[in-house]
Amino acid sequence: MSQAVTRRDIVALVKRGLIRIEPKKGNSRERWLKRHIQRTKGRRRGYGKRKGASTARTDPKEQWVNRIRKMRRYLKWLRDHGVIDRSTYRRYYRLAKGGSFKSLGDLRRHMIEAGVLKEGGR
């Protein structure tokens, strides 16, 4: 075998079975697949597995929808209970839609400073 110098010599040894080519080593996907299937079912997604801020895991549009719904619910409650009149409701509704308030607390604070609400917020 040590006399094999040329490529042809090596090919001849392979054909005789003295040299064999080992198959390439690869990583098994079985463990990954098992975990992946569990994750699609909602497993392995607890607090210990999460990286990044909670805001990184939720869609910004979804956050906006939740925020604006909360503000609109509050404004509607104030209008229906006679705390604010229709024109004030409309003004604050448009401001909220325009993104003037970053949260419900911000909306309340603005209304208190403007004198629309008393300190309690209702």
PDB file of N, CA and C in Angstrom:
ATOM      1  N   MET A   1       0.815  -1.203   0.000  1.00  0.00           N
ATOM      2  CA  MET A   1       0.000   0.000   0.000  1.00  0.00           C
ATOM      3  C   MET A   1       0.855   1.261   0.000  1.00  0.00           C
ATOM      4  N   SER A   2       2.019   1.203   0.635  1.00  0.00           N
ATOM      5  CA  SER A   2       2.869   2.390   0.677  1.00  0.00           C
ATOM      6  C   SER A   2       3.520   2.668  -0.670  1.00  0.00           C
ATOM      7  N   GLN A   3       3.466   1.650  -1.598  1.00  0.00           N
ATOM      8  CA  GLN A   3       4.025   1.864  -2.925  1.00  0.00           C
ATOM      9  C   GLN A   3       3.055   2.627  -3.843  1.00  0.00           C
ATOM     10  N   ALA A   4       1.810   2.813  -3.426  1.00  0.00           N
ATOM     11  CA  ALA A   4       0.813   3.528  -4.232  1.00  0.00           C
ATOM     12  C   ALA A   4       1.192   5.000  -4.283  1.00  0.00           C
ATOM     13  N   VAL A   5       1.559   5.452  -5.476  1.00  0.00           N
ATOM     14  CA  VAL A   5       2.043   6.815  -5.640  1.00  0.00           C
ATOM     15  C   VAL A   5       1.046   7.649  -6.440  1.00  0.00           C
ATOM     16  N   THR A   6       0.608   7.080  -7.561  1.00  0.00           N
ATOM     17  CA  THR A   6      -0.252   7.855  -8.449  1.00  0.00           C
ATOM     18  C   THR A   6      -1.718   7.704  -8.076  1.00  0.00           C
ATOM     19  N   ARG A   7      -2.507   8.534  -8.676  1.00  0.00           N
ATOM     20  CA  ARG A   7      -3.954   8.507  -8.481  1.00  0.00           C
ATOM     21  C   ARG A   7      -4.520   7.160  -8.933  1.00  0.00           C
ATOM     22  N   ARG A   8      -3.976   6.656 -10.045  1.00  0.00           N
ATOM     23  CA  ARG A   8      -4.434   5.377 -10.588  1.00  0.00           C
ATOM     24  C   ARG A   8      -4.185   4.236  -9.595  1.00  0.00           C
ATOM     25  N   ASP A   9      -3.049   4.290  -8.897  1.00  0.00           N
ATOM     26  CA  ASP A   9      -2.734   3.279  -7.880  1.00  0.00           C
ATOM     27  C   ASP A   9      -3.773   3.292  -6.764  1.00  0.00           C
ATOM     28  N   ILE A  10      -4.126   4.483  -6.330  1.00  0.00           N
ATOM     29  CA  ILE A  10      -5.114   4.624  -5.232  1.00  0.00           C
ATOM     30  C   ILE A  10      -6.466   4.095  -5.682  1.00  0.00           C
ATOM     31  N   VAL A  11      -6.874   4.420  -6.905  1.00  0.00           N
ATOM     32  CA  VAL A  11      -8.154   3.945  -7.440  1.00  0.00           C
ATOM     33  C   VAL A  11      -8.178   2.422  -7.478  1.00  0.00           C
ATOM     34  N   ALA A  12      -7.054   1.832  -7.871  1.00  0.00           N
ATOM     35  CA  ALA A  12      -6.950   0.368  -7.939  1.00  0.00           C
ATOM     36  C   ALA A  12      -7.104  -0.258  -6.549  1.00  0.00           C
ATOM     37  N   LEU A  13      -6.494   0.371  -5.533  1.00  0.00           N
ATOM     38  CA  LEU A  13      -6.619  -0.129  -4.155  1.00  0.00           C
ATOM     39  C   LEU A  13      -8.054  -0.002  -3.648  1.00  0.00           C
ATOM     40  N   VAL A  14      -8.739   1.077  -4.048  1.00  0.00           N
ATOM     41  CA  VAL A  14     -10.146   1.255  -3.657  1.00  0.00           C
ATOM     42  C   VAL A  14     -10.986   0.144  -4.266  1.00  0.00           C
ATOM     43  N   LYS A  15     -10.725  -0.167  -5.543  1.00  0.00           N
ATOM     44  CA  LYS A  15     -11.488  -1.216  -6.225  1.00  0.00           C
ATOM     45  C   LYS A  15     -11.254  -2.584  -5.596  1.00  0.00           C
ATOM     46  N   ARG A  16     -10.018  -2.848  -5.155  1.00  0.00           N
ATOM     47  CA  ARG A  16      -9.697  -4.128  -4.514  1.00  0.00           C
ATOM     48  C   ARG A  16     -10.264  -4.218  -3.109  1.00  0.00           C
ATOM     49  N   GLY A  17     -10.680  -3.097  -2.566  1.00  0.00           N
ATOM     50  CA  GLY A  17     -11.291  -3.096  -1.234  1.00  0.00           C
ATOM     51  C   GLY A  17     -10.293  -2.888  -0.114  1.00  0.00           C
ATOM     52  N   LEU A  18      -9.034  -2.589  -0.441  1.00  0.00           N
ATOM     53  CA  LEU A  18      -8.022  -2.351   0.587  1.00  0.00           C
ATOM     54  C   LEU A  18      -8.173  -0.950   1.196  1.00  0.00           C
ATOM     55  N   ILE A  19      -8.713  -0.043   0.400  1.00  0.00           N
ATOM     56  CA  ILE A  19      -9.003   1.308   0.907  1.00  0.00           C
ATOM     57  C   ILE A  19     -10.510   1.525   0.751  1.00  0.00           C
ATOM     58  N   ARG A  20     -11.112   2.006   1.811  1.00  0.00           N
ATOM     59  CA  ARG A  20     -12.542   2.298   1.677  1.00  0.00           C
ATOM     60  C   ARG A  20     -12.819   3.740   2.091  1.00  0.00           C
ATOM     61  N   ILE A  21     -13.827   4.307   1.451  1.00  0.00           N
ATOM     62  CA  ILE A  21     -14.200   5.695   1.734  1.00  0.00           C
ATOM     63  C   ILE A  21     -15.295   5.681   2.796  1.00  0.00           C
ATOM     64  N   GLU A  22     -15.016   6.320   3.929  1.00  0.00           N
ATOM     65  CA  GLU A  22     -16.022   6.367   4.996  1.00  0.00           C
ATOM     66  C   GLU A  22     -17.078   7.395   4.649  1.00  0.00           C
ATOM     67  N   PRO A  23     -18.338   7.098   4.963  1.00  0.00           N
ATOM     68  CA  PRO A  23     -19.394   8.071   4.672  1.00  0.00           C
ATOM     69  C   PRO A  23     -19.215   9.335   5.522  1.00  0.00           C
ATOM     70  N   LYS A  24     -19.654  10.443   4.973  1.00  0.00           N
ATOM     71  CA  LYS A  24     -19.527  11.723   5.643  1.00  0.00           C
ATOM     72  C   LYS A  24     -20.392  11.745   6.898  1.00  0.00           C
ATOM     73  N   LYS A  25     -19.855  12.305   7.974  1.00  0.00           N
ATOM     74  CA  LYS A  25     -20.581  12.376   9.246  1.00  0.00           C
ATOM     75  C   LYS A  25     -21.526  13.570   9.230  1.00  0.00           C
ATOM     76  N   GLY A  26     -22.758  13.358   9.621  1.00  0.00           N
ATOM     77  CA  GLY A  26     -23.733  14.449   9.687  1.00  0.00           C
ATOM     78  C   GLY A  26     -24.427  14.452  11.041  1.00  0.00           C
ATOM     79  N   ASN A  27     -25.080  15.546  11.353  1.00  0.00           N
ATOM     80  CA  ASN A  27     -25.813  15.637  12.613  1.00  0.00           C
ATOM     81  C   ASN A  27     -27.231  15.112  12.435  1.00  0.00           C
ATOM     82  N   SER A  28     -27.668  14.353  13.415  1.00  0.00           N
ATOM     83  CA  SER A  28     -29.020  13.808  13.371  1.00  0.00           C
ATOM     84  C   SER A  28     -30.025  14.924  13.646  1.00  0.00           C
ATOM     85  N   ARG A  29     -31.126  14.918  12.916  1.00  0.00           N
ATOM     86  CA  ARG A  29     -32.160  15.937  13.101  1.00  0.00           C
ATOM     87  C   ARG A  29     -33.265  15.426  14.027  1.00  0.00           C
ATOM     88  N   GLU A  30     -33.149  14.225  14.530  1.00  0.00           N
ATOM     89  CA  GLU A  30     -34.240  13.628  15.297  1.00  0.00           C
ATOM     90  C   GLU A  30     -34.551  14.386  16.577  1.00  0.00           C
ATOM     91  N   ARG A  31     -33.499  14.745  17.327  1.00  0.00           N
ATOM     92  CA  ARG A  31     -33.722  15.480  18.577  1.00  0.00           C
ATOM     93  C   ARG A  31     -34.337  16.850  18.286  1.00  0.00           C
ATOM     94  N   TRP A  32     -33.807  17.504  17.244  1.00  0.00           N
ATOM     95  CA  TRP A  32     -34.338  18.813  16.868  1.00  0.00           C
ATOM     96  C   TRP A  32     -35.809  18.711  16.495  1.00  0.00           C
ATOM     97  N   LEU A  33     -36.146  17.696  15.705  1.00  0.00           N
ATOM     98  CA  LEU A  33     -37.515  17.525  15.238  1.00  0.00           C
ATOM     99  C   LEU A  33     -38.467  17.290  16.399  1.00  0.00           C
ATOM    100  N   LYS A  34     -38.020  16.479  17.364  1.00  0.00           N
ATOM    101  CA  LYS A  34     -38.860  16.188  18.527  1.00  0.00           C
ATOM    102  C   LYS A  34     -39.161  17.477  19.301  1.00  0.00           C
ATOM    103  N   ARG A  35     -38.116  18.287  19.527  1.00  0.00           N
ATOM    104  CA  ARG A  35     -38.302  19.567  20.225  1.00  0.00           C
ATOM    105  C   ARG A  35     -39.181  20.518  19.419  1.00  0.00           C
ATOM    106  N   HIS A  36     -38.951  20.550  18.111  1.00  0.00           N
ATOM    107  CA  HIS A  36     -39.701  21.449  17.231  1.00  0.00           C
ATOM    108  C   HIS A  36     -41.195  21.132  17.271  1.00  0.00           C
ATOM    109  N   ILE A  37     -41.520  19.845  17.233  1.00  0.00           N
ATOM    110  CA  ILE A  37     -42.926  19.418  17.292  1.00  0.00           C
ATOM    111  C   ILE A  37     -43.547  19.840  18.618  1.00  0.00           C
ATOM    112  N   GLN A  38     -42.787  19.688  19.707  1.00  0.00           N
ATOM    113  CA  GLN A  38     -43.300  20.096  21.014  1.00  0.00           C
ATOM    114  C   GLN A  38     -43.554  21.601  21.055  1.00  0.00           C
ATOM    115  N   ARG A  39     -42.637  22.364  20.444  1.00  0.00           N
ATOM    116  CA  ARG A  39     -42.793  23.830  20.458  1.00  0.00           C
ATOM    117  C   ARG A  39     -44.010  24.267  19.657  1.00  0.00           C
ATOM    118  N   THR A  40     -44.296  23.559  18.561  1.00  0.00           N
ATOM    119  CA  THR A  40     -45.481  23.921  17.781  1.00  0.00           C
ATOM    120  C   THR A  40     -46.752  23.668  18.589  1.00  0.00           C
ATOM    121  N   LYS A  41     -46.677  22.764  19.559  1.00  0.00           N
ATOM    122  CA  LYS A  41     -47.818  22.505  20.431  1.00  0.00           C
ATOM    123  C   LYS A  41     -47.884  23.485  21.596  1.00  0.00           C
ATOM    124  N   GLY A  42     -46.831  24.317  21.737  1.00  0.00           N
ATOM    125  CA  GLY A  42     -46.828  25.299  22.822  1.00  0.00           C
ATOM    126  C   GLY A  42     -45.970  24.905  24.010  1.00  0.00           C
ATOM    127  N   ARG A  43     -45.302  23.758  23.936  1.00  0.00           N
ATOM    128  CA  ARG A  43     -44.410  23.353  25.020  1.00  0.00           C
ATOM    129  C   ARG A  43     -43.076  24.089  24.896  1.00  0.00           C
ATOM    130  N   ARG A  44     -42.268  24.046  25.931  1.00  0.00           N
ATOM    131  CA  ARG A  44     -40.905  24.606  25.945  1.00  0.00           C
ATOM    132  C   ARG A  44     -40.876  26.084  25.581  1.00  0.00           C
ATOM    133  N   ARG A  45     -41.898  26.805  26.005  1.00  0.00           N
ATOM    134  CA  ARG A  45     -41.931  28.234  25.707  1.00  0.00           C
ATOM    135  C   ARG A  45     -42.103  29.061  26.983  1.00  0.00           C
ATOM    136  N   GLY A  46     -41.664  28.501  28.106  1.00  0.00           N
ATOM    137  CA  GLY A  46     -41.811  29.172  29.398  1.00  0.00           C
ATOM    138  C   GLY A  46     -40.860  30.348  29.554  1.00  0.00           C
ATOM    139  N   TYR A  47     -40.913  30.982  30.709  1.00  0.00           N
ATOM    140  CA  TYR A  47     -40.111  32.181  30.970  1.00  0.00           C
ATOM    141  C   TYR A  47     -38.617  31.894  30.882  1.00  0.00           C
ATOM    142  N   GLY A  48     -38.199  30.701  31.254  1.00  0.00           N
ATOM    143  CA  GLY A  48     -36.775  30.367  31.231  1.00  0.00           C
ATOM    144  C   GLY A  48     -36.191  30.246  29.830  1.00  0.00           C
ATOM    145  N   LYS A  49     -37.037  30.033  28.842  1.00  0.00           N
ATOM    146  CA  LYS A  49     -36.570  29.856  27.470  1.00  0.00           C
ATOM    147  C   LYS A  49     -36.553  31.173  26.694  1.00  0.00           C
ATOM    148  N   ARG A  50     -37.087  32.228  27.273  1.00  0.00           N
ATOM    149  CA  ARG A  50     -37.251  33.477  26.526  1.00  0.00           C
ATOM    150  C   ARG A  50     -36.018  34.354  26.614  1.00  0.00           C
ATOM    151  N   LYS A  51     -35.650  34.917  25.482  1.00  0.00           N
ATOM    152  CA  LYS A  51     -34.537  35.861  25.438  1.00  0.00           C
ATOM    153  C   LYS A  51     -35.056  37.160  24.842  1.00  0.00           C
ATOM    154  N   GLY A  52     -34.529  38.266  25.311  1.00  0.00           N
ATOM    155  CA  GLY A  52     -34.985  39.560  24.810  1.00  0.00           C
ATOM    156  C   GLY A  52     -36.152  40.076  25.624  1.00  0.00           C
ATOM    157  N   ALA A  53     -36.474  41.326  25.394  1.00  0.00           N
ATOM    158  CA  ALA A  53     -37.567  41.977  26.129  1.00  0.00           C
ATOM    159  C   ALA A  53     -38.910  41.433  25.665  1.00  0.00           C
ATOM    160  N   SER A  54     -39.935  41.629  26.492  1.00  0.00           N
ATOM    161  CA  SER A  54     -41.270  41.162  26.122  1.00  0.00           C
ATOM    162  C   SER A  54     -41.752  41.883  24.874  1.00  0.00           C
ATOM    163  N   THR A  55     -41.284  43.122  24.686  1.00  0.00           N
ATOM    164  CA  THR A  55     -41.686  43.878  23.498  1.00  0.00           C
ATOM    165  C   THR A  55     -41.109  43.266  22.228  1.00  0.00           C
ATOM    166  N   ALA A  56     -40.014  42.536  22.361  1.00  0.00           N
ATOM    167  CA  ALA A  56     -39.402  41.901  21.195  1.00  0.00           C
ATOM    168  C   ALA A  56     -40.215  40.694  20.736  1.00  0.00           C
ATOM    169  N   ARG A  57     -41.040  40.170  21.614  1.00  0.00           N
ATOM    170  CA  ARG A  57     -41.800  38.964  21.293  1.00  0.00           C
ATOM    171  C   ARG A  57     -43.219  39.268  20.837  1.00  0.00           C
ATOM    172  N   THR A  58     -43.676  40.521  21.039  1.00  0.00           N
ATOM    173  CA  THR A  58     -45.028  40.866  20.616  1.00  0.00           C
ATOM    174  C   THR A  58     -44.970  41.837  19.447  1.00  0.00           C
ATOM    175  N   ASP A  59     -45.894  41.675  18.552  1.00  0.00           N
ATOM    176  CA  ASP A  59     -45.973  42.500  17.353  1.00  0.00           C
ATOM    177  C   ASP A  59     -46.313  43.946  17.734  1.00  0.00           C
ATOM    178  N   PRO A  60     -45.570  44.924  17.223  1.00  0.00           N
ATOM    179  CA  PRO A  60     -45.858  46.332  17.553  1.00  0.00           C
ATOM    180  C   PRO A  60     -47.283  46.743  17.200  1.00  0.00           C
ATOM    181  N   LYS A  61     -47.807  46.194  16.120  1.00  0.00           N
ATOM    182  CA  LYS A  61     -49.180  46.527  15.727  1.00  0.00           C
ATOM    183  C   LYS A  61     -50.173  45.996  16.756  1.00  0.00           C
ATOM    184  N   GLU A  62     -49.901  44.804  17.251  1.00  0.00           N
ATOM    185  CA  GLU A  62     -50.773  44.203  18.271  1.00  0.00           C
ATOM    186  C   GLU A  62     -50.758  45.059  19.537  1.00  0.00           C
ATOM    187  N   GLN A  63     -49.566  45.552  19.898  1.00  0.00           N
ATOM    188  CA  GLN A  63     -49.443  46.428  21.066  1.00  0.00           C
ATOM    189  C   GLN A  63     -50.272  47.691  20.864  1.00  0.00           C
ATOM    190  N   TRP A  64     -50.179  48.260  19.669  1.00  0.00           N
ATOM    191  CA  TRP A  64     -50.931  49.478  19.355  1.00  0.00           C
ATOM    192  C   TRP A  64     -52.434  49.220  19.467  1.00  0.00           C
ATOM    193  N   VAL A  65     -52.900  48.113  18.890  1.00  0.00           N
ATOM    194  CA  VAL A  65     -54.329  47.781  18.906  1.00  0.00           C
ATOM    195  C   VAL A  65     -54.819  47.663  20.346  1.00  0.00           C
ATOM    196  N   ASN A  66     -54.065  46.958  21.193  1.00  0.00           N
ATOM    197  CA  ASN A  66     -54.466  46.794  22.594  1.00  0.00           C
ATOM    198  C   ASN A  66     -54.515  48.135  23.316  1.00  0.00           C
ATOM    199  N   ARG A  67     -53.527  48.991  23.044  1.00  0.00           N
ATOM    200  CA  ARG A  67     -53.453  50.293  23.693  1.00  0.00           C
ATOM    201  C   ARG A  67     -54.617  51.188  23.276  1.00  0.00           C
ATOM    202  N   ILE A  68     -54.884  51.268  21.967  1.00  0.00           N
ATOM    203  CA  ILE A  68     -55.931  52.169  21.473  1.00  0.00           C
ATOM    204  C   ILE A  68     -57.310  51.683  21.900  1.00  0.00           C
ATOM    205  N   ARG A  69     -57.505  50.366  21.949  1.00  0.00           N
ATOM    206  CA  ARG A  69     -58.797  49.822  22.402  1.00  0.00           C
ATOM    207  C   ARG A  69     -59.060  50.207  23.855  1.00  0.00           C
ATOM    208  N   LYS A  70     -58.021  50.122  24.668  1.00  0.00           N
ATOM    209  CA  LYS A  70     -58.154  50.465  26.080  1.00  0.00           C
ATOM    210  C   LYS A  70     -58.549  51.939  26.232  1.00  0.00           C
ATOM    211  N   MET A  71     -57.877  52.815  25.471  1.00  0.00           N
ATOM    212  CA  MET A  71     -58.167  54.249  25.550  1.00  0.00           C
ATOM    213  C   MET A  71     -59.576  54.557  25.065  1.00  0.00           C
ATOM    214  N   ARG A  72     -59.966  53.906  23.967  1.00  0.00           N
ATOM    215  CA  ARG A  72     -61.306  54.151  23.413  1.00  0.00           C
ATOM    216  C   ARG A  72     -62.396  53.660  24.359  1.00  0.00           C
ATOM    217  N   ARG A  73     -62.147  52.517  24.996  1.00  0.00           N
ATOM    218  CA  ARG A  73     -63.100  52.002  25.999  1.00  0.00           C
ATOM    219  C   ARG A  73     -63.278  53.003  27.122  1.00  0.00           C
ATOM    220  N   TYR A  74     -62.163  53.553  27.590  1.00  0.00           N
ATOM    221  CA  TYR A  74     -62.178  54.523  28.689  1.00  0.00           C
ATOM    222  C   TYR A  74     -62.925  55.794  28.287  1.00  0.00           C
ATOM    223  N   LEU A  75     -62.626  56.311  27.091  1.00  0.00           N
ATOM    224  CA  LEU A  75     -63.300  57.525  26.611  1.00  0.00           C
ATOM    225  C   LEU A  75     -64.805  57.285  26.467  1.00  0.00           C
ATOM    226  N   LYS A  76     -65.164  56.115  25.974  1.00  0.00           N
ATOM    227  CA  LYS A  76     -66.578  55.773  25.810  1.00  0.00           C
ATOM    228  C   LYS A  76     -67.279  55.726  27.169  1.00  0.00           C
ATOM    229  N   TRP A  77     -66.593  55.144  28.155  1.00  0.00           N
ATOM    230  CA  TRP A  77     -67.158  55.064  29.506  1.00  0.00           C
ATOM    231  C   TRP A  77     -67.396  56.462  30.072  1.00  0.00           C
ATOM    232  N   LEU A  78     -66.402  57.342  29.886  1.00  0.00           N
ATOM    233  CA  LEU A  78     -66.525  58.719  30.380  1.00  0.00           C
ATOM    234  C   LEU A  78     -67.704  59.433  29.716  1.00  0.00           C
ATOM    235  N   ARG A  79     -67.854  59.236  28.403  1.00  0.00           N
ATOM    236  CA  ARG A  79     -68.950  59.879  27.673  1.00  0.00           C
ATOM    237  C   ARG A  79     -70.300  59.331  28.122  1.00  0.00           C
ATOM    238  N   ASP A  80     -70.408  58.000  28.227  1.00  0.00           N
ATOM    239  CA  ASP A  80     -71.688  57.379  28.587  1.00  0.00           C
ATOM    240  C   ASP A  80     -72.121  57.702  30.015  1.00  0.00           C
ATOM    241  N   HIS A  81     -71.151  57.967  30.890  1.00  0.00           N
ATOM    242  CA  HIS A  81     -71.477  58.278  32.285  1.00  0.00           C
ATOM    243  C   HIS A  81     -71.544  59.785  32.548  1.00  0.00           C
ATOM    244  N   GLY A  82     -71.520  60.558  31.475  1.00  0.00           N
ATOM    245  CA  GLY A  82     -71.720  61.995  31.601  1.00  0.00           C
ATOM    246  C   GLY A  82     -70.549  62.772  32.163  1.00  0.00           C
ATOM    247  N   VAL A  83     -69.372  62.167  32.224  1.00  0.00           N
ATOM    248  CA  VAL A  83     -68.190  62.851  32.752  1.00  0.00           C
ATOM    249  C   VAL A  83     -67.685  63.868  31.724  1.00  0.00           C
ATOM    250  N   ILE A  84     -67.722  63.483  30.445  1.00  0.00           N
ATOM    251  CA  ILE A  84     -67.324  64.406  29.377  1.00  0.00           C
ATOM    252  C   ILE A  84     -68.454  64.489  28.350  1.00  0.00           C
ATOM    253  N   ASP A  85     -68.515  65.609  27.638  1.00  0.00           N
ATOM    254  CA  ASP A  85     -69.554  65.753  26.617  1.00  0.00           C
ATOM    255  C   ASP A  85     -69.060  65.186  25.281  1.00  0.00           C
ATOM    256  N   ARG A  86     -69.950  65.190  24.283  1.00  0.00           N
ATOM    257  CA  ARG A  86     -69.655  64.564  22.994  1.00  0.00           C
ATOM    258  C   ARG A  86     -68.487  65.218  22.273  1.00  0.00           C
ATOM    259  N   SER A  87     -68.421  66.530  22.328  1.00  0.00           N
ATOM    260  CA  SER A  87     -67.349  67.236  21.604  1.00  0.00           C
ATOM    261  C   SER A  87     -65.974  66.936  22.228  1.00  0.00           C
ATOM    262  N   THR A  88     -65.925  66.874  23.553  1.00  0.00           N
ATOM    263  CA  THR A  88     -64.670  66.528  24.233  1.00  0.00           C
ATOM    264  C   THR A  88     -64.279  65.095  23.900  1.00  0.00           C
ATOM    265  N   TYR A  89     -65.273  64.215  23.888  1.00  0.00           N
ATOM    266  CA  TYR A  89     -65.032  62.814  23.536  1.00  0.00           C
ATOM    267  C   TYR A  89     -64.416  62.718  22.142  1.00  0.00           C
ATOM    268  N   ARG A  90     -65.038  63.454  21.176  1.00  0.00           N
ATOM    269  CA  ARG A  90     -64.548  63.401  19.809  1.00  0.00           C
ATOM    270  C   ARG A  90     -63.121  63.933  19.709  1.00  0.00           C
ATOM    271  N   ARG A  91     -62.847  65.029  20.436  1.00  0.00           N
ATOM    272  CA  ARG A  91     -61.510  65.635  20.388  1.00  0.00           C
ATOM    273  C   ARG A  91     -60.457  64.652  20.897  1.00  0.00           C
ATOM    274  N   TYR A  92     -60.732  64.044  22.047  1.00  0.00           N
ATOM    275  CA  TYR A  92     -59.769  63.105  22.634  1.00  0.00           C
ATOM    276  C   TYR A  92     -59.678  61.803  21.841  1.00  0.00           C
ATOM    277  N   TYR A  93     -60.778  61.409  21.204  1.00  0.00           N
ATOM    278  CA  TYR A  93     -60.775  60.228  20.349  1.00  0.00           C
ATOM    279  C   TYR A  93     -59.803  60.433  19.190  1.00  0.00           C
ATOM    280  N   ARG A  94     -59.884  61.618  18.550  1.00  0.00           N
ATOM    281  CA  ARG A  94     -59.009  61.929  17.427  1.00  0.00           C
ATOM    282  C   ARG A  94     -57.552  62.046  17.871  1.00  0.00           C
ATOM    283  N   LEU A  95     -57.331  62.635  19.034  1.00  0.00           N
ATOM    284  CA  LEU A  95     -55.965  62.757  19.553  1.00  0.00           C
ATOM    285  C   LEU A  95     -55.363  61.373  19.800  1.00  0.00           C
ATOM    286  N   ALA A  96     -56.181  60.483  20.378  1.00  0.00           N
ATOM    287  CA  ALA A  96     -55.712  59.119  20.658  1.00  0.00           C
ATOM    288  C   ALA A  96     -55.377  58.407  19.348  1.00  0.00           C
ATOM    289  N   LYS A  97     -56.248  58.571  18.348  1.00  0.00           N
ATOM    290  CA  LYS A  97     -56.012  57.942  17.043  1.00  0.00           C
ATOM    291  C   LYS A  97     -54.724  58.474  16.413  1.00  0.00           C
ATOM    292  N   GLY A  98     -54.439  59.731  16.641  1.00  0.00           N
ATOM    293  CA  GLY A  98     -53.249  60.348  16.080  1.00  0.00           C
ATOM    294  C   GLY A  98     -51.966  59.996  16.805  1.00  0.00           C
ATOM    295  N   GLY A  99     -52.081  59.270  17.903  1.00  0.00           N
ATOM    296  CA  GLY A  99     -50.887  58.826  18.622  1.00  0.00           C
ATOM    297  C   GLY A  99     -50.350  59.843  19.616  1.00  0.00           C
ATOM    298  N   SER A 100     -51.213  60.723  20.102  1.00  0.00           N
ATOM    299  CA  SER A 100     -50.772  61.749  21.050  1.00  0.00           C
ATOM    300  C   SER A 100     -50.465  61.179  22.432  1.00  0.00           C
ATOM    301  N   PHE A 101     -51.061  60.046  22.755  1.00  0.00           N
ATOM    302  CA  PHE A 101     -50.887  59.458  24.087  1.00  0.00           C
ATOM    303  C   PHE A 101     -50.228  58.096  23.963  1.00  0.00           C
ATOM    304  N   LYS A 102     -49.217  57.857  24.812  1.00  0.00           N
ATOM    305  CA  LYS A 102     -48.512  56.581  24.726  1.00  0.00           C
ATOM    306  C   LYS A 102     -49.178  55.485  25.549  1.00  0.00           C
ATOM    307  N   SER A 103     -50.086  55.883  26.458  1.00  0.00           N
ATOM    308  CA  SER A 103     -50.785  54.892  27.277  1.00  0.00           C
ATOM    309  C   SER A 103     -52.063  55.513  27.834  1.00  0.00           C
ATOM    310  N   LEU A 104     -52.852  54.674  28.504  1.00  0.00           N
ATOM    311  CA  LEU A 104     -54.079  55.166  29.135  1.00  0.00           C
ATOM    312  C   LEU A 104     -53.738  56.146  30.250  1.00  0.00           C
ATOM    313  N   GLY A 105     -52.666  55.868  30.976  1.00  0.00           N
ATOM    314  CA  GLY A 105     -52.226  56.779  32.042  1.00  0.00           C
ATOM    315  C   GLY A 105     -51.866  58.144  31.493  1.00  0.00           C
ATOM    316  N   ASP A 106     -51.233  58.144  30.335  1.00  0.00           N
ATOM    317  CA  ASP A 106     -50.853  59.398  29.677  1.00  0.00           C
ATOM    318  C   ASP A 106     -52.103  60.182  29.279  1.00  0.00           C
ATOM    319  N   LEU A 107     -53.114  59.496  28.762  1.00  0.00           N
ATOM    320  CA  LEU A 107     -54.385  60.123  28.388  1.00  0.00           C
ATOM    321  C   LEU A 107     -55.056  60.749  29.612  1.00  0.00           C
ATOM    322  N   ARG A 108     -55.121  59.986  30.705  1.00  0.00           N
ATOM    323  CA  ARG A 108     -55.724  60.503  31.954  1.00  0.00           C
ATOM    324  C   ARG A 108     -54.990  61.732  32.456  1.00  0.00           C
ATOM    325  N   ARG A 109     -53.649  61.639  32.468  1.00  0.00           N
ATOM    326  CA  ARG A 109     -52.824  62.750  32.936  1.00  0.00           C
ATOM    327  C   ARG A 109     -53.106  64.013  32.114  1.00  0.00           C
ATOM    328  N   HIS A 110     -53.208  63.840  30.812  1.00  0.00           N
ATOM    329  CA  HIS A 110     -53.484  64.971  29.920  1.00  0.00           C
ATOM    330  C   HIS A 110     -54.850  65.577  30.231  1.00  0.00           C
ATOM    331  N   MET A 111     -55.836  64.711  30.440  1.00  0.00           N
ATOM    332  CA  MET A 111     -57.201  65.187  30.714  1.00  0.00           C
ATOM    333  C   MET A 111     -57.275  65.911  32.054  1.00  0.00           C
ATOM    334  N   ILE A 112     -56.524  65.435  33.040  1.00  0.00           N
ATOM    335  CA  ILE A 112     -56.507  66.087  34.361  1.00  0.00           C
ATOM    336  C   ILE A 112     -55.836  67.454  34.261  1.00  0.00           C
ATOM    337  N   GLU A 113     -54.710  67.518  33.530  1.00  0.00           N
ATOM    338  CA  GLU A 113     -54.001  68.787  33.362  1.00  0.00           C
ATOM    339  C   GLU A 113     -54.832  69.799  32.588  1.00  0.00           C
ATOM    340  N   ALA A 114     -55.646  69.313  31.644  1.00  0.00           N
ATOM    341  CA  ALA A 114     -56.501  70.196  30.850  1.00  0.00           C
ATOM    342  C   ALA A 114     -57.744  70.624  31.618  1.00  0.00           C
ATOM    343  N   GLY A 115     -57.964  69.997  32.770  1.00  0.00           N
ATOM    344  CA  GLY A 115     -59.123  70.337  33.601  1.00  0.00           C
ATOM    345  C   GLY A 115     -60.401  69.649  33.179  1.00  0.00           C
ATOM    346  N   VAL A 116     -60.290  68.656  32.319  1.00  0.00           N
ATOM    347  CA  VAL A 116     -61.454  67.913  31.865  1.00  0.00           C
ATOM    348  C   VAL A 116     -61.901  66.926  32.943  1.00  0.00           C
ATOM    349  N   LEU A 117     -60.936  66.355  33.650  1.00  0.00           N
ATOM    350  CA  LEU A 117     -61.225  65.387  34.717  1.00  0.00           C
ATOM    351  C   LEU A 117     -60.733  65.918  36.057  1.00  0.00           C
ATOM    352  N   LYS A 118     -61.327  65.354  37.131  1.00  0.00           N
ATOM    353  CA  LYS A 118     -60.818  65.652  38.477  1.00  0.00           C
ATOM    354  C   LYS A 118     -59.647  64.725  38.762  1.00  0.00           C
ATOM    355  N   GLU A 119     -58.976  64.889  39.879  1.00  0.00           N
ATOM    356  CA  GLU A 119     -57.772  64.109  40.228  1.00  0.00           C
ATOM    357  C   GLU A 119     -57.986  62.613  40.202  1.00  0.00           C
ATOM    358  N   GLY A 120     -59.158  62.128  40.582  1.00  0.00           N
ATOM    359  CA  GLY A 120     -59.409  60.687  40.664  1.00  0.00           C
ATOM    360  C   GLY A 120     -59.351  59.980  39.324  1.00  0.00           C
ATOM    361  N   GLY A 121     -59.524  60.715  38.262  1.00  0.00           N
ATOM    362  CA  GLY A 121     -59.486  60.102  36.941  1.00  0.00           C
ATOM    363  C   GLY A 121     -60.849  59.743  36.419  1.00  0.00           C
ATOM    364  N   ARG A 122     -61.915  59.992  37.244  1.00  0.00           N
ATOM    365  CA  ARG A 122     -63.290  59.699  36.775  1.00  0.00           C
ATOM    366  C   ARG A 122     -64.214  60.806  37.202  1.00  0.00           C
TER     367      ARG A 122
END
